[in-house]
N, C-alpha and C. Protein backbone atom coordinates (compact mmCIF):
# COMPACT_ATOMS: atom_id res chain seq x y z
N MET A 1 -33.41 -78.12 -27.22
CA MET A 1 -32.31 -79.11 -26.37
C MET A 1 -30.63 -78.80 -26.34
N PHE A 2 -29.88 -78.63 -26.45
CA PHE A 2 -28.27 -78.59 -26.42
C PHE A 2 -27.67 -79.60 -26.58
N THR A 3 -27.47 -79.64 -28.17
CA THR A 3 -25.71 -80.78 -29.11
C THR A 3 -25.21 -80.33 -28.96
N GLU A 4 -24.25 -81.01 -28.07
CA GLU A 4 -23.04 -80.72 -27.71
C GLU A 4 -21.98 -81.49 -29.19
N ARG A 5 -21.89 -80.51 -30.11
CA ARG A 5 -21.03 -80.51 -31.28
C ARG A 5 -19.44 -80.99 -31.47
N ARG A 6 -19.03 -80.68 -30.48
CA ARG A 6 -17.42 -81.58 -30.18
C ARG A 6 -17.79 -82.43 -30.14
N LYS A 7 -16.17 -82.73 -31.07
CA LYS A 7 -15.90 -84.42 -30.63
C LYS A 7 -15.11 -84.86 -29.90
N TYR A 8 -14.02 -83.64 -28.92
CA TYR A 8 -13.04 -84.24 -28.35
C TYR A 8 -14.02 -83.57 -26.90
N ILE A 9 -13.44 -84.20 -25.58
CA ILE A 9 -13.34 -82.98 -24.46
C ILE A 9 -12.89 -82.04 -24.25
N ARG A 10 -12.77 -81.16 -23.65
CA ARG A 10 -11.85 -79.99 -23.84
C ARG A 10 -11.44 -79.61 -21.95
N PHE A 11 -10.08 -79.10 -22.03
CA PHE A 11 -9.99 -79.81 -20.25
C PHE A 11 -9.78 -78.15 -20.18
N ASP A 12 -9.92 -77.59 -19.13
CA ASP A 12 -9.54 -76.96 -18.82
C ASP A 12 -8.34 -76.36 -18.12
N ILE A 13 -7.26 -75.74 -18.75
CA ILE A 13 -5.93 -75.52 -17.92
C ILE A 13 -5.11 -74.02 -18.71
N PRO A 14 -5.15 -73.37 -18.08
CA PRO A 14 -4.33 -71.50 -18.62
C PRO A 14 -2.94 -72.49 -18.60
N LEU A 15 -2.64 -71.90 -20.12
CA LEU A 15 -1.03 -72.10 -19.89
C LEU A 15 -0.52 -70.62 -20.78
N ASP A 16 0.75 -69.96 -20.01
CA ASP A 16 1.41 -69.10 -20.95
C ASP A 16 1.19 -69.61 -22.79
N MET A 17 0.93 -68.62 -23.60
CA MET A 17 1.46 -68.68 -24.73
C MET A 17 1.59 -67.56 -25.47
N GLU A 18 2.15 -66.83 -26.93
CA GLU A 18 2.01 -66.24 -27.50
C GLU A 18 1.73 -66.41 -28.57
N PHE A 19 1.68 -65.59 -30.04
CA PHE A 19 1.40 -65.73 -31.51
C PHE A 19 1.69 -64.28 -31.98
N LYS A 20 1.55 -65.11 -33.40
CA LYS A 20 1.40 -64.02 -34.15
C LYS A 20 1.10 -64.67 -36.03
N LEU A 21 0.64 -63.64 -36.20
CA LEU A 21 0.28 -63.99 -38.12
C LEU A 21 1.63 -65.22 -38.50
N LEU A 22 1.22 -66.07 -39.29
CA LEU A 22 1.96 -67.18 -39.65
C LEU A 22 2.65 -65.77 -40.73
N ASN A 23 4.24 -66.37 -40.60
CA ASN A 23 4.63 -65.45 -41.83
C ASN A 23 4.33 -64.21 -41.52
N GLY A 24 4.29 -63.30 -40.72
CA GLY A 24 3.92 -62.18 -40.29
C GLY A 24 5.20 -61.25 -39.38
N PRO A 25 5.02 -60.21 -38.62
CA PRO A 25 6.08 -59.69 -38.60
C PRO A 25 6.95 -60.91 -37.45
N SER A 26 7.74 -60.10 -37.10
CA SER A 26 8.49 -61.47 -35.82
C SER A 26 7.69 -61.03 -34.20
N GLU A 27 7.00 -60.26 -34.00
CA GLU A 27 6.47 -59.95 -32.82
C GLU A 27 5.39 -60.81 -32.46
N TYR A 28 5.61 -60.89 -31.14
CA TYR A 28 5.09 -62.47 -30.83
C TYR A 28 4.05 -60.20 -29.96
N SER A 29 2.57 -61.45 -29.49
CA SER A 29 1.60 -61.02 -28.76
C SER A 29 1.07 -62.19 -27.50
N PRO A 30 1.46 -61.88 -26.58
CA PRO A 30 1.12 -62.08 -25.43
C PRO A 30 -0.65 -62.76 -25.20
N GLY A 31 -1.41 -64.42 -24.35
CA GLY A 31 -2.26 -65.08 -24.23
C GLY A 31 -2.22 -65.91 -23.23
N MET A 32 -3.45 -66.09 -22.93
CA MET A 32 -3.50 -67.62 -22.07
C MET A 32 -4.82 -68.33 -22.48
N THR A 33 -3.97 -70.17 -22.87
CA THR A 33 -4.45 -71.12 -23.54
C THR A 33 -5.75 -70.78 -22.67
N VAL A 34 -7.21 -71.43 -22.56
CA VAL A 34 -8.44 -71.15 -21.54
C VAL A 34 -8.96 -72.81 -20.84
N ASN A 35 -8.37 -73.43 -22.73
CA ASN A 35 -8.88 -75.06 -22.47
C ASN A 35 -8.17 -75.58 -23.97
N PHE A 36 -7.86 -77.16 -23.75
CA PHE A 36 -7.16 -77.47 -24.69
C PHE A 36 -7.98 -78.88 -25.29
N SER A 37 -7.55 -79.47 -25.73
CA SER A 37 -8.35 -80.93 -26.71
C SER A 37 -7.35 -81.31 -27.77
N ARG A 38 -8.06 -82.67 -28.43
CA ARG A 38 -6.62 -82.51 -29.14
C ARG A 38 -6.70 -82.47 -30.70
N GLU A 39 -8.11 -81.76 -31.02
CA GLU A 39 -7.93 -80.82 -31.97
C GLU A 39 -7.70 -78.94 -31.83
N GLY A 40 -7.51 -78.55 -31.27
CA GLY A 40 -7.20 -76.93 -30.86
C GLY A 40 -7.46 -77.15 -29.45
N PHE A 41 -7.89 -75.59 -29.33
CA PHE A 41 -7.97 -74.67 -27.75
C PHE A 41 -8.35 -73.57 -28.09
N CYS A 42 -8.62 -72.60 -26.80
CA CYS A 42 -9.08 -71.75 -26.85
C CYS A 42 -8.23 -71.05 -26.08
N PHE A 43 -8.51 -69.60 -26.21
CA PHE A 43 -6.75 -69.06 -25.90
C PHE A 43 -7.50 -67.68 -25.52
N GLU A 44 -7.99 -66.72 -24.48
CA GLU A 44 -7.59 -65.37 -24.78
C GLU A 44 -6.33 -64.71 -24.39
N THR A 45 -7.20 -63.28 -25.13
CA THR A 45 -5.25 -62.45 -25.48
C THR A 45 -6.40 -61.15 -25.13
N ASP A 46 -5.33 -59.24 -25.48
CA ASP A 46 -5.96 -58.40 -24.88
C ASP A 46 -6.08 -57.87 -26.39
N LYS A 47 -5.65 -58.16 -27.62
CA LYS A 47 -5.00 -58.23 -28.44
C LYS A 47 -6.81 -58.17 -29.56
N PRO A 48 -6.86 -56.68 -29.67
CA PRO A 48 -7.78 -57.16 -30.70
C PRO A 48 -8.09 -57.00 -31.82
N ASP A 49 -6.82 -57.80 -32.70
CA ASP A 49 -7.06 -57.51 -34.42
C ASP A 49 -7.60 -59.22 -34.77
N LEU A 50 -8.10 -60.00 -34.38
CA LEU A 50 -8.27 -61.12 -34.36
C LEU A 50 -9.18 -61.79 -35.58
N LYS A 51 -9.12 -62.56 -36.12
CA LYS A 51 -10.18 -62.41 -37.55
C LYS A 51 -9.81 -63.74 -37.94
N MET A 52 -11.15 -64.11 -38.06
CA MET A 52 -11.49 -65.75 -39.01
C MET A 52 -11.15 -66.15 -40.09
N ASN A 53 -10.17 -67.37 -39.87
CA ASN A 53 -9.53 -67.64 -40.56
C ASN A 53 -7.95 -67.84 -40.66
N GLN A 54 -7.70 -66.47 -39.69
CA GLN A 54 -6.17 -65.75 -40.47
C GLN A 54 -5.65 -67.83 -39.71
N MET A 55 -4.51 -67.77 -40.40
CA MET A 55 -3.29 -68.68 -39.75
C MET A 55 -2.36 -68.52 -38.76
N LEU A 56 -1.91 -68.47 -37.51
CA LEU A 56 -1.17 -68.47 -36.80
C LEU A 56 -0.37 -69.03 -35.93
N GLU A 57 1.21 -68.47 -35.79
CA GLU A 57 1.95 -69.69 -35.25
C GLU A 57 2.04 -69.45 -33.38
N LEU A 58 1.60 -70.06 -33.74
CA LEU A 58 1.54 -70.13 -32.04
C LEU A 58 3.22 -70.74 -30.51
N LYS A 59 3.27 -70.23 -29.64
CA LYS A 59 3.76 -71.57 -28.80
C LYS A 59 3.05 -71.26 -27.31
N ILE A 60 2.95 -72.29 -26.89
CA ILE A 60 2.71 -72.53 -26.04
C ILE A 60 3.49 -73.27 -24.73
N LYS A 61 3.92 -72.69 -23.61
CA LYS A 61 4.34 -73.38 -22.26
C LYS A 61 4.37 -74.25 -21.73
N HIS A 62 4.79 -75.81 -22.08
CA HIS A 62 4.46 -77.38 -21.59
C HIS A 62 4.55 -76.34 -20.14
N PRO A 63 3.52 -78.05 -19.84
CA PRO A 63 2.97 -77.69 -18.13
C PRO A 63 4.18 -78.33 -17.31
N SER A 64 4.97 -79.13 -18.16
CA SER A 64 6.01 -79.83 -16.89
C SER A 64 7.81 -80.08 -17.41
N LYS A 65 8.28 -78.65 -19.11
CA LYS A 65 8.96 -78.44 -18.53
C LYS A 65 9.30 -77.19 -19.18
N GLU A 66 10.63 -77.16 -19.31
CA GLU A 66 11.20 -74.89 -19.83
C GLU A 66 11.07 -75.37 -20.87
N MET A 67 10.04 -75.03 -22.03
CA MET A 67 10.15 -75.23 -23.57
C MET A 67 8.74 -74.78 -23.78
N PHE A 68 8.68 -74.49 -24.80
CA PHE A 68 7.66 -73.43 -26.17
C PHE A 68 7.24 -74.49 -26.62
N VAL A 69 5.99 -74.82 -26.88
CA VAL A 69 5.72 -75.93 -27.93
C VAL A 69 5.10 -75.31 -28.86
N PRO A 70 6.22 -75.63 -30.46
CA PRO A 70 5.62 -74.40 -31.36
C PRO A 70 4.40 -75.21 -32.24
N ILE A 71 3.49 -74.32 -32.18
CA ILE A 71 2.16 -74.37 -33.15
C ILE A 71 1.59 -73.85 -34.63
N VAL A 72 1.07 -74.48 -35.40
CA VAL A 72 0.66 -73.58 -36.74
C VAL A 72 -1.17 -74.11 -36.41
N GLY A 73 -1.74 -73.07 -36.11
CA GLY A 73 -2.99 -73.30 -36.03
C GLY A 73 -3.86 -71.89 -36.63
N GLU A 74 -5.36 -72.59 -37.11
CA GLU A 74 -6.20 -71.47 -37.65
C GLU A 74 -7.17 -70.61 -36.87
N ILE A 75 -7.67 -69.71 -37.04
CA ILE A 75 -8.68 -69.07 -35.98
C ILE A 75 -9.63 -70.29 -36.38
N VAL A 76 -10.79 -70.87 -35.46
CA VAL A 76 -12.19 -71.12 -36.46
C VAL A 76 -13.71 -70.33 -35.54
N TRP A 77 -13.04 -69.40 -34.42
CA TRP A 77 -14.30 -69.03 -34.09
C TRP A 77 -13.32 -67.93 -33.25
N LYS A 78 -14.20 -66.44 -32.90
CA LYS A 78 -13.61 -65.79 -32.14
C LYS A 78 -14.82 -64.75 -31.64
N LYS A 79 -14.42 -64.30 -30.13
CA LYS A 79 -15.80 -63.38 -29.29
C LYS A 79 -14.64 -62.46 -28.83
N GLN A 80 -15.68 -61.63 -28.48
CA GLN A 80 -14.93 -60.59 -27.43
C GLN A 80 -15.62 -60.15 -25.65
N THR A 81 -15.09 -60.94 -25.06
CA THR A 81 -16.08 -60.32 -23.93
C THR A 81 -16.10 -58.85 -23.46
N LYS A 82 -16.54 -58.81 -21.90
CA LYS A 82 -16.32 -57.31 -21.55
C LYS A 82 -14.31 -56.99 -21.26
N THR A 83 -13.41 -57.86 -21.06
CA THR A 83 -12.29 -57.85 -20.72
C THR A 83 -11.14 -58.41 -21.50
N LYS A 84 -11.87 -59.15 -22.29
CA LYS A 84 -10.89 -59.67 -23.08
C LYS A 84 -11.40 -60.20 -24.57
N HIS A 85 -10.55 -60.33 -25.57
CA HIS A 85 -10.62 -60.95 -26.36
C HIS A 85 -10.70 -62.70 -26.55
N VAL A 86 -11.19 -63.75 -27.77
CA VAL A 86 -11.22 -65.06 -27.30
C VAL A 86 -11.01 -65.21 -28.45
N ALA A 87 -10.08 -66.90 -28.48
CA ALA A 87 -10.34 -67.07 -30.08
C ALA A 87 -10.47 -68.88 -29.85
N GLY A 88 -11.17 -69.11 -30.43
CA GLY A 88 -10.68 -70.89 -30.74
C GLY A 88 -9.45 -71.41 -32.24
N ILE A 89 -8.25 -72.42 -31.60
CA ILE A 89 -7.36 -72.73 -32.64
C ILE A 89 -7.85 -74.34 -32.88
N HIS A 90 -8.09 -74.43 -34.49
CA HIS A 90 -7.29 -75.49 -34.41
C HIS A 90 -6.37 -75.84 -35.52
N PHE A 91 -5.90 -76.80 -34.56
CA PHE A 91 -4.70 -77.86 -34.85
C PHE A 91 -3.97 -77.99 -36.30
N GLU A 92 -2.86 -77.41 -37.06
CA GLU A 92 -2.55 -77.57 -38.31
C GLU A 92 -1.87 -78.35 -37.92
N ASP A 93 -0.98 -77.88 -37.14
CA ASP A 93 0.76 -79.06 -37.45
C ASP A 93 0.75 -78.19 -35.88
N ILE A 94 1.17 -79.81 -34.95
CA ILE A 94 1.75 -79.70 -33.25
C ILE A 94 2.31 -80.29 -33.42
N ASP A 95 3.98 -81.12 -32.86
CA ASP A 95 4.11 -81.92 -32.48
C ASP A 95 3.26 -83.25 -30.84
N ARG A 96 3.59 -84.22 -31.99
CA ARG A 96 2.84 -85.34 -31.21
C ARG A 96 2.61 -85.49 -30.41
N GLU A 97 3.74 -86.04 -29.91
CA GLU A 97 4.73 -86.12 -28.13
C GLU A 97 3.91 -84.84 -27.21
N ALA A 98 4.54 -83.41 -27.43
CA ALA A 98 4.56 -82.25 -27.38
C ALA A 98 2.90 -82.22 -26.60
N LYS A 99 2.47 -82.65 -28.09
CA LYS A 99 0.45 -82.54 -28.12
C LYS A 99 -0.07 -83.48 -26.59
N SER A 100 0.37 -85.03 -26.90
CA SER A 100 -0.13 -85.85 -25.50
C SER A 100 0.34 -85.65 -24.47
N GLU A 101 1.46 -84.93 -24.54
CA GLU A 101 2.31 -84.38 -22.37
C GLU A 101 0.97 -83.20 -22.25
N ILE A 102 0.66 -82.76 -23.07
CA ILE A 102 -0.07 -81.53 -22.65
C ILE A 102 -1.74 -82.40 -22.46
N LEU A 103 -1.63 -82.88 -22.95
CA LEU A 103 -3.03 -83.85 -22.58
C LEU A 103 -3.15 -84.51 -20.93
N ASP A 104 -2.17 -84.69 -21.26
CA ASP A 104 -2.05 -85.96 -20.28
C ASP A 104 -2.03 -85.13 -18.87
N HIS A 105 -1.36 -84.35 -19.26
CA HIS A 105 -1.28 -83.28 -17.74
C HIS A 105 -2.47 -82.71 -17.18
N ALA A 106 -3.65 -82.13 -18.94
CA ALA A 106 -4.71 -82.40 -18.04
C ALA A 106 -5.66 -83.32 -18.01
N TYR A 107 -5.36 -84.02 -18.43
CA TYR A 107 -6.00 -84.86 -18.34
C TYR A 107 -5.66 -85.01 -16.11
N ASN A 108 -4.24 -85.18 -15.67
CA ASN A 108 -4.30 -85.49 -14.26
C ASN A 108 -5.12 -84.78 -13.31
N ILE A 109 -5.27 -83.42 -14.07
CA ILE A 109 -5.83 -82.07 -13.08
C ILE A 109 -7.43 -82.39 -13.03
N TRP A 110 -8.20 -83.18 -15.01
CA TRP A 110 -9.56 -83.22 -14.40
C TRP A 110 -9.60 -84.10 -13.14
N LEU A 111 -8.71 -84.85 -13.46
CA LEU A 111 -9.06 -86.25 -12.43
C LEU A 111 -9.15 -85.90 -11.17
N GLU A 112 -8.35 -85.08 -10.91
CA GLU A 112 -7.88 -85.30 -9.49
C GLU A 112 -8.94 -83.50 -9.08
N LYS A 113 -9.88 -82.82 -9.58
CA LYS A 113 -11.13 -82.12 -9.76
C LYS A 113 -11.99 -82.80 -9.44
N SER A 114 -11.70 -83.80 -10.24
CA SER A 114 -13.44 -84.86 -10.46
C SER A 114 -13.33 -85.42 -9.14
N ARG A 115 -12.16 -85.78 -8.59
CA ARG A 115 -12.46 -86.82 -6.64
C ARG A 115 -13.08 -86.24 -5.42
N TYR A 116 -13.20 -84.78 -5.99
CA TYR A 116 -13.55 -83.89 -5.00
C TYR A 116 -15.21 -82.88 -4.72
């Protein structure tokens, strides 16, 4: 029997993003969020050298504003699919208001989809 280990629901929401090693070189790599929750998110990228426990500086495109939300997070899991590298990020630092706005937006999309 499968047991759900997650504390919070994850909302599927594709948002443009970019990331780099915290305190690393200034060049960002592109990615796309897969889902988002209160404690973190999953993203996919073409960049192959993600490592467990790496601290990243990330910027996620706000879904309803013309801005990027800065985030510091840790890679807590990773896997490779046939075409992408996928990683789970645990938030270490994120603006509370921006996180709430992203979650509200994702919840509204989920609510609309569940009505049909």
